[in-house]
Amino acid sequence: MEQFMQKVRAYAAASGVEPTTIVQRAAKVSGAAWSRWDVGSSSPTLATADKILKYIAENPVVDADADAQPLKAVG
């Protein structure tokens, strides 16, 4: 679970948005879901985690300072 959370955090930071934005865009879940996952009061389902990881894989972060080259995926 921590590896998944770190991957989302890293992707969000590289994208310049909050992790809540990533989970909303990727899995269409409430931004509050991230907060619950972050404090350990709940966890994403495997289907939700898969949607988020798929979104991250399909939407690489582009480094504007590096001639529009996608950044290497984290993890």
C-alpha atoms as a PDB file:
ATOM      1  CA  MET A   1       0.000   0.000   0.000  1.00  0.00           C
ATOM      2  CA  GLU A   2       2.800   2.423   0.885  1.00  0.00           C
ATOM      3  CA  GLN A   3       4.466   1.854  -2.488  1.00  0.00           C
ATOM      4  CA  PHE A   4       1.195   2.725  -4.242  1.00  0.00           C
ATOM      5  CA  MET A   5       0.730   5.836  -2.106  1.00  0.00           C
ATOM      6  CA  GLN A   6       4.301   6.977  -2.793  1.00  0.00           C
ATOM      7  CA  LYS A   7       3.852   6.463  -6.529  1.00  0.00           C
ATOM      8  CA  VAL A   8       0.725   8.635  -6.517  1.00  0.00           C
ATOM      9  CA  ARG A   9       2.450  11.300  -4.383  1.00  0.00           C
ATOM     10  CA  ALA A  10       5.465  11.394  -6.703  1.00  0.00           C
ATOM     11  CA  TYR A  11       3.320  11.579  -9.832  1.00  0.00           C
ATOM     12  CA  ALA A  12       1.192  14.340  -8.328  1.00  0.00           C
ATOM     13  CA  ALA A  13       4.262  16.336  -7.307  1.00  0.00           C
ATOM     14  CA  ALA A  14       5.780  15.975 -10.773  1.00  0.00           C
ATOM     15  CA  SER A  15       2.438  17.061 -12.263  1.00  0.00           C
ATOM     16  CA  GLY A  16       2.184  20.065  -9.982  1.00  0.00           C
ATOM     17  CA  VAL A  17      -1.124  18.988  -8.439  1.00  0.00           C
ATOM     18  CA  GLU A  18      -2.283  17.391  -5.209  1.00  0.00           C
ATOM     19  CA  PRO A  19      -2.731  13.612  -4.942  1.00  0.00           C
ATOM     20  CA  THR A  20      -6.465  14.202  -4.446  1.00  0.00           C
ATOM     21  CA  THR A  21      -6.609  15.631  -7.966  1.00  0.00           C
ATOM     22  CA  ILE A  22      -4.956  12.522  -9.400  1.00  0.00           C
ATOM     23  CA  VAL A  23      -7.405  10.129  -7.733  1.00  0.00           C
ATOM     24  CA  GLN A  24     -10.337  12.277  -8.828  1.00  0.00           C
ATOM     25  CA  ARG A  25      -9.159  12.354 -12.442  1.00  0.00           C
ATOM     26  CA  ALA A  26      -8.046   8.738 -12.625  1.00  0.00           C
ATOM     27  CA  ALA A  27     -10.684   6.849 -10.692  1.00  0.00           C
ATOM     28  CA  LYS A  28     -13.556   9.322 -10.404  1.00  0.00           C
ATOM     29  CA  VAL A  29     -13.551   8.998  -6.621  1.00  0.00           C
ATOM     30  CA  SER A  30     -13.945  11.736  -4.061  1.00  0.00           C
ATOM     31  CA  GLY A  31     -10.845  13.694  -3.162  1.00  0.00           C
ATOM     32  CA  ALA A  32     -11.664  12.813   0.438  1.00  0.00           C
ATOM     33  CA  ALA A  33     -10.852   9.196  -0.410  1.00  0.00           C
ATOM     34  CA  TRP A  34      -7.170  10.101  -0.673  1.00  0.00           C
ATOM     35  CA  SER A  35      -7.254  11.676   2.780  1.00  0.00           C
ATOM     36  CA  ARG A  36      -8.742   8.497   4.254  1.00  0.00           C
ATOM     37  CA  TRP A  37      -6.154   6.343   2.487  1.00  0.00           C
ATOM     38  CA  ASP A  38      -3.372   8.660   3.643  1.00  0.00           C
ATOM     39  CA  VAL A  39      -4.286   8.343   7.328  1.00  0.00           C
ATOM     40  CA  GLY A  40      -4.993   4.619   7.035  1.00  0.00           C
ATOM     41  CA  SER A  41      -8.685   4.735   7.863  1.00  0.00           C
ATOM     42  CA  SER A  42      -9.529   3.042   4.554  1.00  0.00           C
ATOM     43  CA  SER A  43      -7.850   1.645   1.468  1.00  0.00           C
ATOM     44  CA  PRO A  44      -8.603   1.748  -2.239  1.00  0.00           C
ATOM     45  CA  THR A  45     -10.046  -1.334  -3.842  1.00  0.00           C
ATOM     46  CA  LEU A  46      -7.756  -3.172  -6.224  1.00  0.00           C
ATOM     47  CA  ALA A  47      -9.921  -1.977  -9.116  1.00  0.00           C
ATOM     48  CA  THR A  48      -9.516   1.644  -7.996  1.00  0.00           C
ATOM     49  CA  ALA A  49      -5.770   1.299  -7.499  1.00  0.00           C
ATOM     50  CA  ASP A  50      -5.487  -0.299 -10.950  1.00  0.00           C
ATOM     51  CA  LYS A  51      -7.373   2.618 -12.534  1.00  0.00           C
ATOM     52  CA  ILE A  52      -5.046   5.110 -10.875  1.00  0.00           C
ATOM     53  CA  LEU A  53      -1.903   3.219 -11.877  1.00  0.00           C
ATOM     54  CA  LYS A  54      -3.206   2.884 -15.442  1.00  0.00           C
ATOM     55  CA  TYR A  55      -3.876   6.636 -15.553  1.00  0.00           C
ATOM     56  CA  ILE A  56      -0.331   7.339 -14.354  1.00  0.00           C
ATOM     57  CA  ALA A  57       1.133   4.986 -16.966  1.00  0.00           C
ATOM     58  CA  GLU A  58      -0.958   6.432 -19.795  1.00  0.00           C
ATOM     59  CA  ASN A  59      -0.362  10.078 -18.874  1.00  0.00           C
ATOM     60  CA  PRO A  60       3.366  10.594 -18.399  1.00  0.00           C
ATOM     61  CA  VAL A  61       4.462  13.908 -16.962  1.00  0.00           C
ATOM     62  CA  VAL A  62       6.144  16.101 -19.561  1.00  0.00           C
ATOM     63  CA  ASP A  63       9.126  18.172 -18.454  1.00  0.00           C
ATOM     64  CA  ALA A  64       8.616  21.547 -20.146  1.00  0.00           C
ATOM     65  CA  ASP A  65      12.321  22.355 -19.724  1.00  0.00           C
ATOM     66  CA  ALA A  66      13.505  19.238 -21.527  1.00  0.00           C
ATOM     67  CA  ASP A  67      12.079  19.729 -25.014  1.00  0.00           C
ATOM     68  CA  ALA A  68       8.743  18.124 -24.136  1.00  0.00           C
ATOM     69  CA  GLN A  69      10.206  14.736 -23.218  1.00  0.00           C
ATOM     70  CA  PRO A  70       8.101  12.602 -20.820  1.00  0.00           C
ATOM     71  CA  LEU A  71       9.673  12.064 -17.432  1.00  0.00           C
ATOM     72  CA  LYS A  72      10.513   8.510 -16.447  1.00  0.00           C
ATOM     73  CA  ALA A  73       7.715   6.871 -14.469  1.00  0.00           C
ATOM     74  CA  VAL A  74       8.373   6.517 -10.763  1.00  0.00           C
ATOM     75  CA  GLY A  75       8.514   2.995  -9.348  1.00  0.00           C
END
